[in-house]
N, C-alpha and C. Protein backbone atom coordinates (compact mmCIF):
# COMPACT_ATOMS: atom_id res chain seq x y z
N MET A 1 144.28 254.39 179.96
CA MET A 1 143.36 254.82 181.02
C MET A 1 142.02 254.09 180.88
N ALA A 2 141.38 253.86 182.02
CA ALA A 2 140.09 253.20 182.02
C ALA A 2 139.04 254.13 181.43
N ILE A 3 138.08 253.56 180.74
CA ILE A 3 136.98 254.32 180.17
C ILE A 3 135.98 254.62 181.28
N ALA A 4 135.59 255.90 181.39
CA ALA A 4 134.75 256.32 182.50
C ALA A 4 133.28 256.49 182.12
N ASP A 5 132.99 256.75 180.85
CA ASP A 5 131.60 256.95 180.45
C ASP A 5 131.45 256.66 178.96
N ASP A 6 130.21 256.76 178.47
CA ASP A 6 129.92 256.41 177.08
C ASP A 6 130.62 257.35 176.09
N ASN A 7 130.83 258.60 176.46
CA ASN A 7 131.54 259.51 175.57
C ASN A 7 132.99 259.07 175.39
N GLU A 8 133.62 258.68 176.49
CA GLU A 8 134.99 258.17 176.40
C GLU A 8 135.03 256.85 175.65
N LEU A 9 133.97 256.02 175.84
CA LEU A 9 133.88 254.76 175.11
C LEU A 9 133.82 255.01 173.60
N LYS A 10 133.00 255.96 173.19
CA LYS A 10 132.87 256.27 171.77
C LYS A 10 134.19 256.76 171.19
N ALA A 11 134.89 257.61 171.93
CA ALA A 11 136.18 258.13 171.47
C ALA A 11 137.22 257.01 171.40
N ALA A 12 137.23 256.13 172.40
CA ALA A 12 138.20 255.02 172.42
C ALA A 12 137.95 254.06 171.26
N ALA A 13 136.65 253.77 170.99
CA ALA A 13 136.32 252.87 169.88
C ALA A 13 136.73 253.48 168.55
N ALA A 14 136.51 254.77 168.38
CA ALA A 14 136.91 255.44 167.14
C ALA A 14 138.42 255.41 166.97
N ASN A 15 139.16 255.65 168.05
CA ASN A 15 140.62 255.63 168.00
C ASN A 15 141.14 254.23 167.70
N ALA A 16 140.56 253.22 168.36
CA ALA A 16 140.97 251.84 168.12
C ALA A 16 140.71 251.44 166.67
N GLY A 17 139.53 251.80 166.16
CA GLY A 17 139.19 251.48 164.78
C GLY A 17 140.14 252.13 163.79
N SER A 18 140.50 253.37 164.07
CA SER A 18 141.43 254.09 163.20
C SER A 18 142.81 253.43 163.20
N LEU A 19 143.27 253.04 164.37
CA LEU A 19 144.58 252.38 164.47
C LEU A 19 144.59 251.03 163.77
N VAL A 20 143.51 250.26 163.93
CA VAL A 20 143.42 248.97 163.25
C VAL A 20 143.43 249.17 161.74
N GLN A 21 142.71 250.17 161.27
CA GLN A 21 142.71 250.46 159.83
C GLN A 21 144.09 250.87 159.35
N ASP A 22 144.82 251.67 160.14
CA ASP A 22 146.18 252.05 159.77
C ASP A 22 147.08 250.83 159.64
N ILE A 23 146.93 249.89 160.59
CA ILE A 23 147.72 248.65 160.53
C ILE A 23 147.40 247.88 159.26
N GLN A 24 146.11 247.77 158.96
CA GLN A 24 145.70 247.03 157.77
C GLN A 24 146.18 247.72 156.49
N ASP A 25 146.06 249.03 156.44
CA ASP A 25 146.51 249.78 155.26
C ASP A 25 148.00 249.58 155.02
N TYR A 26 148.76 249.52 156.10
CA TYR A 26 150.20 249.35 155.97
C TYR A 26 150.57 247.92 155.58
N CYS A 27 149.91 246.94 156.20
CA CYS A 27 150.30 245.54 156.01
C CYS A 27 149.59 244.86 154.84
N GLY A 28 148.39 245.27 154.55
CA GLY A 28 147.62 244.56 153.53
C GLY A 28 147.47 243.10 153.94
N ARG A 29 147.73 242.19 152.97
CA ARG A 29 147.63 240.76 153.25
C ARG A 29 148.95 240.15 153.72
N ALA A 30 149.97 240.97 153.83
CA ALA A 30 151.28 240.45 154.25
C ALA A 30 151.23 240.04 155.72
N PHE A 31 151.79 238.86 156.02
CA PHE A 31 151.85 238.42 157.41
C PHE A 31 153.02 239.14 158.09
N LYS A 32 152.72 239.89 159.12
CA LYS A 32 153.72 240.59 159.90
C LYS A 32 153.42 240.38 161.38
N PRO A 33 154.27 239.63 162.07
CA PRO A 33 154.01 239.41 163.50
C PRO A 33 153.88 240.72 164.27
N GLU A 34 154.58 241.74 163.80
CA GLU A 34 154.53 243.03 164.50
C GLU A 34 153.14 243.67 164.42
N ALA A 35 152.31 243.21 163.50
CA ALA A 35 150.99 243.82 163.31
C ALA A 35 149.94 243.26 164.26
N LYS A 36 150.30 242.20 164.99
CA LYS A 36 149.30 241.60 165.88
C LYS A 36 149.04 242.49 167.09
N PHE A 37 147.76 242.68 167.39
CA PHE A 37 147.40 243.38 168.61
C PHE A 37 146.62 242.42 169.50
N SER A 38 146.53 242.71 170.75
CA SER A 38 145.97 241.78 171.73
C SER A 38 144.48 241.58 171.56
N PHE A 39 144.07 240.32 171.49
CA PHE A 39 142.65 240.00 171.59
C PHE A 39 142.26 240.21 173.05
N PRO A 40 141.08 240.76 173.33
CA PRO A 40 140.71 241.06 174.72
C PRO A 40 140.78 239.83 175.63
N ARG A 41 141.58 239.92 176.66
CA ARG A 41 141.72 238.83 177.62
C ARG A 41 140.45 238.71 178.44
N GLY A 42 140.04 237.48 178.68
CA GLY A 42 138.83 237.23 179.45
C GLY A 42 137.57 237.17 178.60
N MET A 43 137.70 237.50 177.31
CA MET A 43 136.53 237.47 176.42
C MET A 43 136.13 236.03 176.11
N ILE A 44 137.11 235.17 175.92
CA ILE A 44 136.85 233.78 175.59
C ILE A 44 136.85 232.97 176.88
N GLY A 45 135.75 232.27 177.12
CA GLY A 45 135.69 231.39 178.28
C GLY A 45 136.70 230.26 178.15
N THR A 46 136.95 229.59 179.23
CA THR A 46 137.92 228.49 179.20
C THR A 46 137.22 227.19 178.83
N ALA A 47 138.01 226.24 178.33
CA ALA A 47 137.47 224.92 178.01
C ALA A 47 136.86 224.28 179.27
N ALA A 48 137.52 224.46 180.41
CA ALA A 48 137.00 223.88 181.65
C ALA A 48 135.63 224.45 182.00
N GLN A 49 135.45 225.75 181.80
CA GLN A 49 134.16 226.38 182.09
C GLN A 49 133.06 225.80 181.21
N TYR A 50 133.40 225.48 179.98
CA TYR A 50 132.39 225.03 179.03
C TYR A 50 132.19 223.51 179.06
N ARG A 51 133.18 222.77 179.49
CA ARG A 51 133.01 221.31 179.58
C ARG A 51 131.87 220.95 180.54
N VAL A 52 131.72 221.72 181.60
CA VAL A 52 130.70 221.38 182.61
C VAL A 52 129.28 221.58 182.09
N ARG A 53 129.12 222.20 180.94
CA ARG A 53 127.79 222.34 180.35
C ARG A 53 127.28 221.04 179.73
N CYS A 54 128.18 220.12 179.47
CA CYS A 54 127.86 218.95 178.66
C CYS A 54 127.43 217.76 179.51
N PRO A 55 126.47 216.96 179.01
CA PRO A 55 126.07 215.74 179.74
C PRO A 55 127.20 214.72 179.76
N ALA A 56 127.27 213.95 180.83
CA ALA A 56 128.39 213.03 181.04
C ALA A 56 128.36 211.83 180.11
N TYR A 57 127.24 211.58 179.43
CA TYR A 57 127.22 210.43 178.51
C TYR A 57 128.03 210.68 177.24
N LEU A 58 128.40 211.92 176.98
CA LEU A 58 129.29 212.19 175.85
C LEU A 58 130.69 211.73 176.18
N THR A 59 131.46 211.40 175.16
CA THR A 59 132.84 210.99 175.42
C THR A 59 133.67 212.20 175.82
N ARG A 60 134.82 211.92 176.38
CA ARG A 60 135.72 213.00 176.78
C ARG A 60 136.06 213.90 175.61
N ASP A 61 136.34 213.29 174.45
CA ASP A 61 136.69 214.09 173.27
C ASP A 61 135.50 214.89 172.75
N GLN A 62 134.31 214.31 172.81
CA GLN A 62 133.12 215.05 172.39
C GLN A 62 132.88 216.26 173.30
N ILE A 63 133.04 216.05 174.60
CA ILE A 63 132.86 217.15 175.55
C ILE A 63 133.87 218.26 175.28
N SER A 64 135.12 217.87 175.03
CA SER A 64 136.14 218.88 174.73
C SER A 64 135.81 219.62 173.44
N SER A 65 135.36 218.90 172.43
CA SER A 65 135.02 219.55 171.17
C SER A 65 133.85 220.51 171.34
N CYS A 66 132.87 220.13 172.15
CA CYS A 66 131.76 221.05 172.44
C CYS A 66 132.28 222.30 173.16
N ALA A 67 133.17 222.10 174.11
CA ALA A 67 133.75 223.24 174.83
C ALA A 67 134.49 224.17 173.87
N TYR A 68 135.25 223.59 172.95
CA TYR A 68 135.96 224.41 171.96
C TYR A 68 134.96 225.15 171.07
N GLY A 69 133.83 224.50 170.78
CA GLY A 69 132.79 225.18 170.01
C GLY A 69 132.26 226.40 170.74
N PHE A 70 132.02 226.27 172.04
CA PHE A 70 131.56 227.42 172.82
C PHE A 70 132.62 228.52 172.84
N MET A 71 133.88 228.14 172.90
CA MET A 71 134.95 229.14 172.86
C MET A 71 134.96 229.87 171.52
N PHE A 72 134.76 229.12 170.42
CA PHE A 72 134.68 229.73 169.10
C PHE A 72 133.49 230.68 169.01
N LEU A 73 132.38 230.32 169.64
CA LEU A 73 131.22 231.21 169.66
C LEU A 73 131.55 232.53 170.36
N ASP A 74 132.39 232.48 171.39
CA ASP A 74 132.84 233.72 172.04
C ASP A 74 133.60 234.61 171.05
N VAL A 75 134.46 233.98 170.24
CA VAL A 75 135.23 234.74 169.24
C VAL A 75 134.27 235.38 168.24
N LEU A 76 133.32 234.60 167.74
CA LEU A 76 132.37 235.13 166.76
C LEU A 76 131.52 236.24 167.36
N TRP A 77 131.11 236.07 168.63
CA TRP A 77 130.33 237.12 169.28
C TRP A 77 131.12 238.42 169.30
N TRP A 78 132.40 238.32 169.62
CA TRP A 78 133.22 239.53 169.69
C TRP A 78 133.32 240.20 168.31
N VAL A 79 133.54 239.42 167.29
CA VAL A 79 133.67 239.98 165.94
C VAL A 79 132.38 240.70 165.53
N VAL A 80 131.24 240.07 165.79
CA VAL A 80 129.96 240.66 165.37
C VAL A 80 129.55 241.83 166.27
N SER A 81 129.85 241.74 167.56
CA SER A 81 129.38 242.74 168.53
C SER A 81 130.34 243.89 168.77
N ARG A 82 131.61 243.69 168.51
CA ARG A 82 132.59 244.73 168.81
C ARG A 82 133.24 245.34 167.57
N THR A 83 132.78 244.93 166.39
CA THR A 83 133.26 245.55 165.16
C THR A 83 132.03 245.93 164.34
N ASP A 84 132.26 246.72 163.31
CA ASP A 84 131.15 247.10 162.44
C ASP A 84 131.09 246.21 161.20
N ILE A 85 131.57 244.99 161.32
CA ILE A 85 131.50 244.06 160.20
C ILE A 85 130.05 243.99 159.71
N ALA A 86 129.88 243.98 158.40
CA ALA A 86 128.54 244.02 157.82
C ALA A 86 128.48 243.15 156.58
N SER A 87 127.32 243.11 155.99
CA SER A 87 127.09 242.44 154.72
C SER A 87 127.52 240.98 154.77
N VAL A 88 128.22 240.53 153.75
CA VAL A 88 128.56 239.12 153.62
C VAL A 88 129.43 238.66 154.78
N GLY A 89 130.38 239.48 155.21
CA GLY A 89 131.25 239.08 156.33
C GLY A 89 130.45 238.79 157.59
N LYS A 90 129.49 239.65 157.90
CA LYS A 90 128.65 239.45 159.07
C LYS A 90 127.78 238.21 158.90
N GLN A 91 127.20 238.04 157.70
CA GLN A 91 126.36 236.88 157.44
C GLN A 91 127.13 235.58 157.64
N MET A 92 128.36 235.53 157.17
CA MET A 92 129.14 234.29 157.30
C MET A 92 129.60 234.06 158.73
N ALA A 93 129.82 235.14 159.48
CA ALA A 93 130.13 234.97 160.91
C ALA A 93 128.92 234.40 161.64
N LEU A 94 127.73 234.91 161.34
CA LEU A 94 126.51 234.39 161.95
C LEU A 94 126.28 232.94 161.53
N LYS A 95 126.51 232.65 160.25
CA LYS A 95 126.34 231.26 159.79
C LYS A 95 127.31 230.33 160.51
N SER A 96 128.55 230.76 160.70
CA SER A 96 129.52 229.94 161.42
C SER A 96 129.04 229.66 162.84
N ALA A 97 128.44 230.66 163.48
CA ALA A 97 127.89 230.45 164.82
C ALA A 97 126.74 229.46 164.79
N ILE A 98 125.88 229.56 163.79
CA ILE A 98 124.75 228.64 163.64
C ILE A 98 125.24 227.21 163.45
N VAL A 99 126.23 227.04 162.58
CA VAL A 99 126.77 225.70 162.32
C VAL A 99 127.39 225.12 163.60
N THR A 100 128.09 225.95 164.35
CA THR A 100 128.72 225.49 165.59
C THR A 100 127.66 225.08 166.62
N LEU A 101 126.62 225.91 166.78
CA LEU A 101 125.54 225.55 167.69
C LEU A 101 124.86 224.25 167.25
N GLY A 102 124.65 224.11 165.95
CA GLY A 102 124.02 222.90 165.43
C GLY A 102 124.85 221.66 165.69
N THR A 103 126.16 221.79 165.60
CA THR A 103 127.06 220.67 165.87
C THR A 103 126.94 220.22 167.33
N ILE A 104 126.90 221.19 168.24
CA ILE A 104 126.76 220.85 169.67
C ILE A 104 125.39 220.24 169.94
N LEU A 105 124.36 220.82 169.32
CA LEU A 105 123.01 220.28 169.49
C LEU A 105 122.93 218.84 169.03
N GLU A 106 123.46 218.56 167.85
CA GLU A 106 123.37 217.22 167.28
C GLU A 106 124.01 216.17 168.17
N VAL A 107 125.21 216.43 168.64
CA VAL A 107 125.89 215.41 169.45
C VAL A 107 125.23 215.24 170.81
N SER A 108 124.66 216.31 171.34
CA SER A 108 124.05 216.22 172.67
C SER A 108 122.79 215.37 172.67
N LEU A 109 122.18 215.19 171.50
CA LEU A 109 120.94 214.41 171.40
C LEU A 109 121.19 212.96 171.00
N CYS A 110 122.44 212.53 171.00
CA CYS A 110 122.80 211.14 170.65
C CYS A 110 123.38 210.45 171.89
N VAL A 111 122.56 209.61 172.52
CA VAL A 111 122.93 208.98 173.78
C VAL A 111 123.39 207.55 173.53
N PRO A 112 124.66 207.24 173.79
CA PRO A 112 125.20 205.93 173.44
C PRO A 112 124.63 204.77 174.25
N SER A 113 124.17 205.02 175.48
CA SER A 113 123.73 203.91 176.35
C SER A 113 122.33 203.40 176.04
N LEU A 114 121.57 204.12 175.23
CA LEU A 114 120.19 203.74 174.95
C LEU A 114 120.12 202.67 173.86
N SER A 115 119.09 201.83 173.92
CA SER A 115 118.89 200.82 172.89
C SER A 115 118.43 201.47 171.60
N ARG A 116 118.67 200.77 170.51
CA ARG A 116 118.42 201.30 169.17
C ARG A 116 116.98 201.79 168.99
N ASP A 117 116.01 201.21 169.68
CA ASP A 117 114.61 201.59 169.48
C ASP A 117 114.26 202.94 170.12
N LYS A 118 115.14 203.49 170.92
CA LYS A 118 114.91 204.79 171.54
C LYS A 118 115.35 205.90 170.58
N VAL A 119 114.49 206.90 170.42
CA VAL A 119 114.77 207.97 169.45
C VAL A 119 116.10 208.66 169.74
N LEU A 120 116.45 208.82 171.00
CA LEU A 120 117.67 209.53 171.36
C LEU A 120 118.91 208.65 171.34
N SER A 121 118.74 207.39 171.01
CA SER A 121 119.89 206.48 170.97
C SER A 121 120.86 206.90 169.88
N ALA A 122 122.13 206.81 170.17
CA ALA A 122 123.16 207.07 169.16
C ALA A 122 123.09 206.03 168.05
N LYS A 123 122.47 204.89 168.33
CA LYS A 123 122.34 203.81 167.33
C LYS A 123 121.11 204.00 166.45
N ASN A 124 120.21 204.89 166.84
CA ASN A 124 118.98 205.13 166.10
C ASN A 124 119.27 206.11 164.96
N GLY A 125 118.70 205.85 163.80
CA GLY A 125 118.95 206.70 162.64
C GLY A 125 118.11 207.96 162.58
N ALA A 126 117.35 208.25 163.63
CA ALA A 126 116.51 209.44 163.63
C ALA A 126 117.36 210.69 163.49
N GLY A 127 116.83 211.66 162.79
CA GLY A 127 117.54 212.93 162.64
C GLY A 127 117.34 213.82 163.85
N VAL A 128 117.83 215.04 163.73
CA VAL A 128 117.77 215.99 164.85
C VAL A 128 116.33 216.38 165.18
N ASN A 129 115.49 216.62 164.18
CA ASN A 129 114.13 217.08 164.45
C ASN A 129 113.31 216.09 165.28
N PRO A 130 113.30 214.78 164.96
CA PRO A 130 112.58 213.85 165.84
C PRO A 130 113.17 213.80 167.25
N ARG A 131 114.46 213.97 167.36
CA ARG A 131 115.10 213.97 168.67
C ARG A 131 114.66 215.20 169.48
N LEU A 132 114.53 216.34 168.79
CA LEU A 132 114.04 217.55 169.45
C LEU A 132 112.59 217.38 169.89
N THR A 133 111.79 216.76 169.04
CA THR A 133 110.40 216.49 169.42
C THR A 133 110.34 215.63 170.67
N LYS A 134 111.20 214.62 170.74
CA LYS A 134 111.26 213.77 171.93
C LYS A 134 111.68 214.58 173.16
N ALA A 135 112.64 215.48 172.98
CA ALA A 135 113.08 216.31 174.11
C ALA A 135 111.93 217.18 174.61
N GLN A 136 111.12 217.68 173.70
CA GLN A 136 109.95 218.47 174.11
C GLN A 136 108.94 217.59 174.83
N GLU A 137 108.69 216.39 174.30
CA GLU A 137 107.75 215.46 174.94
C GLU A 137 108.19 215.11 176.35
N GLU A 138 109.50 215.02 176.56
CA GLU A 138 110.03 214.70 177.89
C GLU A 138 109.96 215.90 178.84
N GLY A 139 109.62 217.07 178.31
CA GLY A 139 109.52 218.27 179.12
C GLY A 139 110.85 218.98 179.37
N TRP A 140 111.85 218.64 178.58
CA TRP A 140 113.17 219.25 178.76
C TRP A 140 113.24 220.63 178.12
N ILE A 141 112.46 220.83 177.09
CA ILE A 141 112.38 222.14 176.44
C ILE A 141 110.92 222.44 176.15
N SER A 142 110.61 223.72 176.04
CA SER A 142 109.24 224.13 175.73
C SER A 142 108.98 223.96 174.23
N GLN A 143 107.72 224.11 173.86
CA GLN A 143 107.36 224.06 172.44
C GLN A 143 108.09 225.17 171.67
N GLU A 144 108.17 226.35 172.27
CA GLU A 144 108.85 227.47 171.62
C GLU A 144 110.35 227.19 171.46
N GLN A 145 110.97 226.66 172.51
CA GLN A 145 112.40 226.31 172.42
C GLN A 145 112.64 225.22 171.38
N CYS A 146 111.73 224.27 171.30
CA CYS A 146 111.84 223.21 170.31
C CYS A 146 111.78 223.81 168.90
N ALA A 147 110.83 224.71 168.67
CA ALA A 147 110.71 225.36 167.36
C ALA A 147 111.96 226.17 167.04
N THR A 148 112.50 226.85 168.04
CA THR A 148 113.71 227.65 167.86
C THR A 148 114.88 226.77 167.45
N LEU A 149 115.02 225.62 168.11
CA LEU A 149 116.13 224.72 167.80
C LEU A 149 115.92 224.01 166.46
N LYS A 150 114.69 223.77 166.08
CA LYS A 150 114.43 223.20 164.75
C LYS A 150 114.77 224.22 163.67
N GLN A 151 114.49 225.50 163.92
CA GLN A 151 114.88 226.54 162.97
C GLN A 151 116.40 226.64 162.88
N LEU A 152 117.06 226.52 164.02
CA LEU A 152 118.52 226.49 164.02
C LEU A 152 119.02 225.36 163.12
N TRP A 153 118.44 224.18 163.27
CA TRP A 153 118.89 223.04 162.48
C TRP A 153 118.64 223.25 160.99
N LYS A 154 117.52 223.88 160.67
CA LYS A 154 117.23 224.19 159.27
C LYS A 154 118.32 225.11 158.71
N HIS A 155 118.65 226.15 159.46
CA HIS A 155 119.72 227.05 159.01
C HIS A 155 121.07 226.35 158.99
N ARG A 156 121.31 225.49 159.96
CA ARG A 156 122.58 224.77 160.02
C ARG A 156 122.79 223.93 158.77
N ASN A 157 121.71 223.38 158.24
CA ASN A 157 121.84 222.53 157.06
C ASN A 157 122.22 223.30 155.79
N ASN A 158 122.22 224.63 155.88
CA ASN A 158 122.71 225.43 154.76
C ASN A 158 124.22 225.29 154.57
N VAL A 159 124.87 224.58 155.49
CA VAL A 159 126.29 224.27 155.30
C VAL A 159 126.46 223.40 154.05
N HIS A 160 125.41 222.68 153.67
CA HIS A 160 125.44 221.85 152.46
C HIS A 160 125.00 222.71 151.28
N LEU A 161 125.94 223.35 150.64
CA LEU A 161 125.61 224.31 149.59
C LEU A 161 124.87 223.67 148.42
N LYS A 162 125.08 222.39 148.21
CA LYS A 162 124.41 221.73 147.08
C LYS A 162 122.90 221.65 147.27
N ILE A 163 122.41 221.77 148.52
CA ILE A 163 120.97 221.73 148.75
C ILE A 163 120.44 223.08 149.22
N LEU A 164 121.26 224.11 149.18
CA LEU A 164 120.84 225.45 149.61
C LEU A 164 119.69 225.92 148.72
N ALA A 165 118.56 226.24 149.35
CA ALA A 165 117.35 226.55 148.58
C ALA A 165 117.15 228.04 148.33
N GLU A 166 117.91 228.89 149.02
CA GLU A 166 117.70 230.33 148.88
C GLU A 166 119.02 231.07 149.08
N SER A 167 119.01 232.33 148.70
CA SER A 167 120.20 233.15 148.89
C SER A 167 120.47 233.35 150.37
N GLU A 168 121.74 233.36 150.72
CA GLU A 168 122.11 233.61 152.12
C GLU A 168 122.33 235.09 152.41
N LEU A 169 122.22 235.93 151.40
CA LEU A 169 122.41 237.37 151.59
C LEU A 169 121.30 237.90 152.50
N ASP A 170 121.68 238.42 153.64
CA ASP A 170 120.75 238.97 154.63
C ASP A 170 119.79 237.92 155.21
N LEU A 171 120.15 236.64 155.11
CA LEU A 171 119.29 235.59 155.64
C LEU A 171 119.41 235.46 157.16
N TYR A 172 120.62 235.58 157.68
CA TYR A 172 120.87 235.31 159.10
C TYR A 172 120.86 236.61 159.91
N GLN A 173 120.24 236.53 161.08
CA GLN A 173 120.16 237.67 161.99
C GLN A 173 120.72 237.24 163.35
N PRO A 174 121.16 238.20 164.17
CA PRO A 174 121.69 237.82 165.49
C PRO A 174 120.73 236.96 166.32
N GLU A 175 119.42 237.18 166.18
CA GLU A 175 118.48 236.36 166.94
C GLU A 175 118.49 234.90 166.50
N HIS A 176 118.99 234.62 165.29
CA HIS A 176 119.12 233.23 164.83
C HIS A 176 120.26 232.51 165.54
N VAL A 177 121.07 233.27 166.28
CA VAL A 177 122.13 232.71 167.11
C VAL A 177 121.74 232.81 168.58
N ASN A 178 121.31 234.00 169.00
CA ASN A 178 121.07 234.25 170.43
C ASN A 178 119.94 233.39 170.99
N GLU A 179 118.83 233.27 170.26
CA GLU A 179 117.69 232.51 170.79
C GLU A 179 117.99 231.01 170.86
N PRO A 180 118.55 230.39 169.80
CA PRO A 180 118.87 228.97 169.95
C PRO A 180 119.99 228.71 170.95
N TYR A 181 120.92 229.66 171.09
CA TYR A 181 121.97 229.51 172.11
C TYR A 181 121.32 229.35 173.48
N ALA A 182 120.36 230.24 173.79
CA ALA A 182 119.69 230.18 175.09
C ALA A 182 118.90 228.88 175.24
N ALA A 183 118.21 228.46 174.17
CA ALA A 183 117.43 227.22 174.23
C ALA A 183 118.35 226.01 174.39
N LEU A 184 119.49 226.04 173.72
CA LEU A 184 120.45 224.93 173.82
C LEU A 184 120.97 224.81 175.25
N LEU A 185 121.23 225.92 175.90
CA LEU A 185 121.71 225.86 177.29
C LEU A 185 120.67 225.23 178.20
N VAL A 186 119.40 225.54 177.97
CA VAL A 186 118.33 224.91 178.75
C VAL A 186 118.34 223.41 178.51
N LEU A 187 118.40 223.01 177.24
CA LEU A 187 118.40 221.59 176.90
C LEU A 187 119.60 220.87 177.51
N LEU A 188 120.77 221.46 177.39
CA LEU A 188 121.97 220.83 177.95
C LEU A 188 121.85 220.66 179.46
N GLY A 189 121.29 221.66 180.13
CA GLY A 189 121.10 221.54 181.57
C GLY A 189 120.18 220.39 181.93
N ARG A 190 119.09 220.22 181.18
CA ARG A 190 118.16 219.13 181.43
C ARG A 190 118.80 217.78 181.11
N LEU A 191 119.56 217.72 180.02
CA LEU A 191 120.24 216.47 179.65
C LEU A 191 121.31 216.10 180.67
N LYS A 192 121.95 217.10 181.24
CA LYS A 192 122.94 216.82 182.30
C LYS A 192 122.26 216.19 183.51
N ASP A 193 121.09 216.75 183.88
CA ASP A 193 120.36 216.20 185.03
C ASP A 193 119.86 214.78 184.76
N TRP A 194 119.39 214.57 183.53
CA TRP A 194 118.87 213.25 183.12
C TRP A 194 120.01 212.28 182.90
N ASN A 195 121.03 212.72 182.17
CA ASN A 195 122.30 211.99 181.98
C ASN A 195 122.16 210.58 181.43
N GLY A 196 121.24 210.40 180.51
CA GLY A 196 121.20 209.12 179.80
C GLY A 196 120.32 208.08 180.44
N GLY A 197 119.72 208.37 181.57
CA GLY A 197 118.81 207.41 182.19
C GLY A 197 117.45 207.44 181.53
N TRP A 198 116.69 206.41 181.69
CA TRP A 198 115.35 206.39 181.12
C TRP A 198 114.38 205.75 182.09
């Protein structure tokens, strides 16, 4: 039956959680196809929906990989928002989202058609931060959005555990994903309009 109000929602969530726990208690780590339950249909956007977010100067494979990244972000959003996952599990889900956003950001700022002397050129050795500064100078993102995306990149670099400078316990918060996600969409929209011209 369809959920009609928040009281029914609370009861349905409690029942679903109890059933999932029963399945886990019974199966443990054993793989049992019978234990699979349906992931919510319509929760994950389609690759086609997400490909159109990308500037056309990216290769077909890069655009597809970015689209798959956005689809993975939908999965992570569901895990963090629709379950009570906490502590290290939640932190690593948020970190995975940060790394995915950083991957999309990095490739979107590398334009193959530009000459090597241009900061945004794929041939230029500039890192992400100078490229973000250039994007701000061009008026594609605000100073605040630039700072948000630079913070994203700083967190993204924690994927390199050998240079990790601090504990990751309780380091990542949902706003470390939500705010750069919104800023990245603005940047991608501007890059699509610009599309590699100078």
